[in-house]
Amino acid sequence: MQQQIINEPALWRYSDLASYLRVSEHKLRRDVMNRTIPFIKCGRSVRFDPEKIKQWLNANATEVMQ
């Protein structure tokens, strides 16, 4: 029997996303509590899908006026 290796992106933790967005973990916890950022509950843990975060960023981006 042959095993298939599925190369799925890893889920991020608070610390991973905080580094990526350059914000505090406290702000992310508040965003999760207010449900303003996409997240996944794994039991009692909270994880973030990198693709969903990138889509969320693109959907909520504003253009800078010059």
N, C-alpha and C. Protein backbone atom coordinates (compact mmCIF):
# COMPACT_ATOMS: atom_id res chain seq x y z
N MET A 1 0.84 -1.19 0.00
CA MET A 1 0.00 0.00 0.00
C MET A 1 0.89 1.25 0.00
N GLN A 2 0.56 2.17 -0.88
CA GLN A 2 1.35 3.37 -1.04
C GLN A 2 0.74 4.50 -0.21
N GLN A 3 1.59 5.23 0.49
CA GLN A 3 1.10 6.36 1.27
C GLN A 3 1.12 7.61 0.42
N GLN A 4 0.06 8.38 0.53
CA GLN A 4 0.02 9.67 -0.15
C GLN A 4 0.40 10.75 0.84
N ILE A 5 1.28 11.61 0.40
CA ILE A 5 1.69 12.73 1.24
C ILE A 5 0.96 13.97 0.73
N ILE A 6 0.15 14.52 1.58
CA ILE A 6 -0.60 15.73 1.23
C ILE A 6 0.15 16.90 1.83
N ASN A 7 0.53 17.81 0.98
CA ASN A 7 1.32 18.96 1.43
C ASN A 7 0.38 20.13 1.73
N GLU A 8 -0.26 20.11 2.88
CA GLU A 8 -1.16 21.17 3.29
C GLU A 8 -0.39 22.20 4.10
N PRO A 9 -0.79 23.45 3.99
CA PRO A 9 -0.10 24.47 4.80
C PRO A 9 -0.38 24.25 6.28
N ALA A 10 0.61 24.51 7.08
CA ALA A 10 0.45 24.38 8.53
C ALA A 10 -0.42 25.51 9.05
N LEU A 11 -1.09 25.26 10.13
CA LEU A 11 -1.89 26.30 10.78
C LEU A 11 -0.99 27.11 11.68
N TRP A 12 -1.27 28.40 11.76
CA TRP A 12 -0.47 29.30 12.59
C TRP A 12 -1.05 29.39 13.99
N ARG A 13 -0.16 29.64 14.94
CA ARG A 13 -0.56 29.94 16.32
C ARG A 13 -0.60 31.46 16.47
N TYR A 14 -1.02 31.90 17.65
CA TYR A 14 -1.05 33.35 17.92
C TYR A 14 0.31 33.99 17.65
N SER A 15 1.37 33.35 18.13
CA SER A 15 2.71 33.93 17.99
C SER A 15 3.13 34.03 16.52
N ASP A 16 2.76 33.03 15.72
CA ASP A 16 3.10 33.05 14.30
C ASP A 16 2.40 34.21 13.59
N LEU A 17 1.10 34.33 13.84
CA LEU A 17 0.33 35.39 13.19
C LEU A 17 0.74 36.77 13.69
N ALA A 18 1.04 36.88 14.97
CA ALA A 18 1.49 38.17 15.52
C ALA A 18 2.78 38.62 14.84
N SER A 19 3.68 37.69 14.61
CA SER A 19 4.93 38.02 13.91
C SER A 19 4.65 38.42 12.46
N TYR A 20 3.77 37.69 11.81
CA TYR A 20 3.44 37.95 10.41
C TYR A 20 2.80 39.33 10.24
N LEU A 21 1.85 39.66 11.13
CA LEU A 21 1.14 40.93 11.03
C LEU A 21 1.83 42.07 11.76
N ARG A 22 2.81 41.72 12.58
CA ARG A 22 3.54 42.71 13.40
C ARG A 22 2.59 43.44 14.36
N VAL A 23 1.79 42.63 15.04
CA VAL A 23 0.90 43.15 16.08
C VAL A 23 1.10 42.29 17.33
N SER A 24 0.52 42.70 18.43
CA SER A 24 0.67 41.94 19.66
C SER A 24 -0.28 40.75 19.68
N GLU A 25 0.07 39.75 20.45
CA GLU A 25 -0.81 38.60 20.64
C GLU A 25 -2.09 39.03 21.34
N HIS A 26 -1.98 40.02 22.22
CA HIS A 26 -3.15 40.53 22.93
C HIS A 26 -4.19 41.08 21.94
N LYS A 27 -3.73 41.82 20.93
CA LYS A 27 -4.64 42.35 19.93
C LYS A 27 -5.31 41.22 19.16
N LEU A 28 -4.57 40.18 18.82
CA LEU A 28 -5.15 39.04 18.11
C LEU A 28 -6.19 38.33 18.96
N ARG A 29 -5.91 38.17 20.25
CA ARG A 29 -6.88 37.52 21.15
C ARG A 29 -8.18 38.34 21.22
N ARG A 30 -8.03 39.65 21.23
CA ARG A 30 -9.20 40.53 21.24
C ARG A 30 -9.98 40.39 19.93
N ASP A 31 -9.27 40.32 18.79
CA ASP A 31 -9.92 40.14 17.50
C ASP A 31 -10.66 38.81 17.42
N VAL A 32 -10.08 37.77 17.99
CA VAL A 32 -10.75 36.46 18.02
C VAL A 32 -12.00 36.55 18.88
N MET A 33 -11.87 37.17 20.04
CA MET A 33 -13.01 37.31 20.94
C MET A 33 -14.15 38.09 20.28
N ASN A 34 -13.79 39.13 19.50
CA ASN A 34 -14.79 39.94 18.80
C ASN A 34 -15.17 39.34 17.45
N ARG A 35 -14.53 38.24 17.09
CA ARG A 35 -14.78 37.54 15.82
C ARG A 35 -14.58 38.44 14.62
N THR A 36 -13.51 39.24 14.64
CA THR A 36 -13.20 40.13 13.52
C THR A 36 -12.08 39.59 12.64
N ILE A 37 -11.56 38.42 12.96
CA ILE A 37 -10.49 37.80 12.19
C ILE A 37 -10.84 36.32 12.04
N PRO A 38 -10.55 35.73 10.87
CA PRO A 38 -10.89 34.31 10.69
C PRO A 38 -9.98 33.41 11.53
N PHE A 39 -10.58 32.45 12.23
CA PHE A 39 -9.81 31.54 13.07
C PHE A 39 -10.47 30.18 13.10
N ILE A 40 -9.72 29.19 13.59
CA ILE A 40 -10.20 27.82 13.70
C ILE A 40 -10.00 27.38 15.14
N LYS A 41 -11.04 26.79 15.72
CA LYS A 41 -10.91 26.23 17.07
C LYS A 41 -10.55 24.76 16.95
N CYS A 42 -9.47 24.36 17.59
CA CYS A 42 -9.05 22.96 17.68
C CYS A 42 -9.11 22.59 19.15
N GLY A 43 -10.24 22.09 19.59
CA GLY A 43 -10.41 21.86 21.02
C GLY A 43 -10.43 23.20 21.73
N ARG A 44 -9.50 23.40 22.65
CA ARG A 44 -9.40 24.67 23.36
C ARG A 44 -8.39 25.61 22.71
N SER A 45 -7.72 25.14 21.68
CA SER A 45 -6.70 25.94 21.00
C SER A 45 -7.30 26.72 19.84
N VAL A 46 -6.68 27.84 19.55
CA VAL A 46 -7.07 28.67 18.41
C VAL A 46 -5.93 28.63 17.40
N ARG A 47 -6.28 28.40 16.14
CA ARG A 47 -5.29 28.37 15.07
C ARG A 47 -5.80 29.24 13.92
N PHE A 48 -4.87 29.62 13.05
CA PHE A 48 -5.19 30.48 11.93
C PHE A 48 -4.68 29.83 10.64
N ASP A 49 -5.54 29.81 9.63
CA ASP A 49 -5.18 29.28 8.32
C ASP A 49 -4.49 30.41 7.54
N PRO A 50 -3.23 30.22 7.14
CA PRO A 50 -2.52 31.29 6.43
C PRO A 50 -3.24 31.79 5.17
N GLU A 51 -3.85 30.87 4.42
CA GLU A 51 -4.57 31.28 3.20
C GLU A 51 -5.78 32.13 3.54
N LYS A 52 -6.53 31.75 4.57
CA LYS A 52 -7.70 32.53 4.99
C LYS A 52 -7.28 33.91 5.49
N ILE A 53 -6.16 33.97 6.19
CA ILE A 53 -5.66 35.25 6.69
C ILE A 53 -5.28 36.16 5.52
N LYS A 54 -4.61 35.61 4.52
CA LYS A 54 -4.21 36.41 3.35
C LYS A 54 -5.44 36.90 2.59
N GLN A 55 -6.46 36.06 2.46
CA GLN A 55 -7.71 36.47 1.81
C GLN A 55 -8.39 37.58 2.61
N TRP A 56 -8.40 37.41 3.94
CA TRP A 56 -9.01 38.40 4.83
C TRP A 56 -8.29 39.74 4.71
N LEU A 57 -6.95 39.70 4.64
CA LEU A 57 -6.17 40.93 4.50
C LEU A 57 -6.50 41.64 3.18
N ASN A 58 -6.57 40.86 2.10
CA ASN A 58 -6.89 41.45 0.79
C ASN A 58 -8.30 42.04 0.77
N ALA A 59 -9.23 41.37 1.40
CA ALA A 59 -10.63 41.84 1.43
C ALA A 59 -10.77 43.10 2.29
N ASN A 60 -9.92 43.27 3.28
CA ASN A 60 -10.04 44.41 4.20
C ASN A 60 -9.00 45.49 3.95
N ALA A 61 -8.29 45.40 2.85
CA ALA A 61 -7.25 46.39 2.54
C ALA A 61 -7.90 47.69 2.06
N THR A 62 -7.27 48.79 2.38
CA THR A 62 -7.69 50.09 1.87
C THR A 62 -6.54 50.70 1.11
N GLU A 63 -6.86 51.41 0.05
CA GLU A 63 -5.81 52.03 -0.76
C GLU A 63 -5.41 53.35 -0.15
N VAL A 64 -4.13 53.64 -0.27
CA VAL A 64 -3.58 54.88 0.26
C VAL A 64 -3.72 55.97 -0.81
N MET A 65 -4.28 57.09 -0.41
CA MET A 65 -4.43 58.20 -1.35
C MET A 65 -3.18 59.06 -1.30
N GLN A 66 -2.77 59.53 -2.45
CA GLN A 66 -1.57 60.38 -2.51
C GLN A 66 -1.93 61.81 -2.77
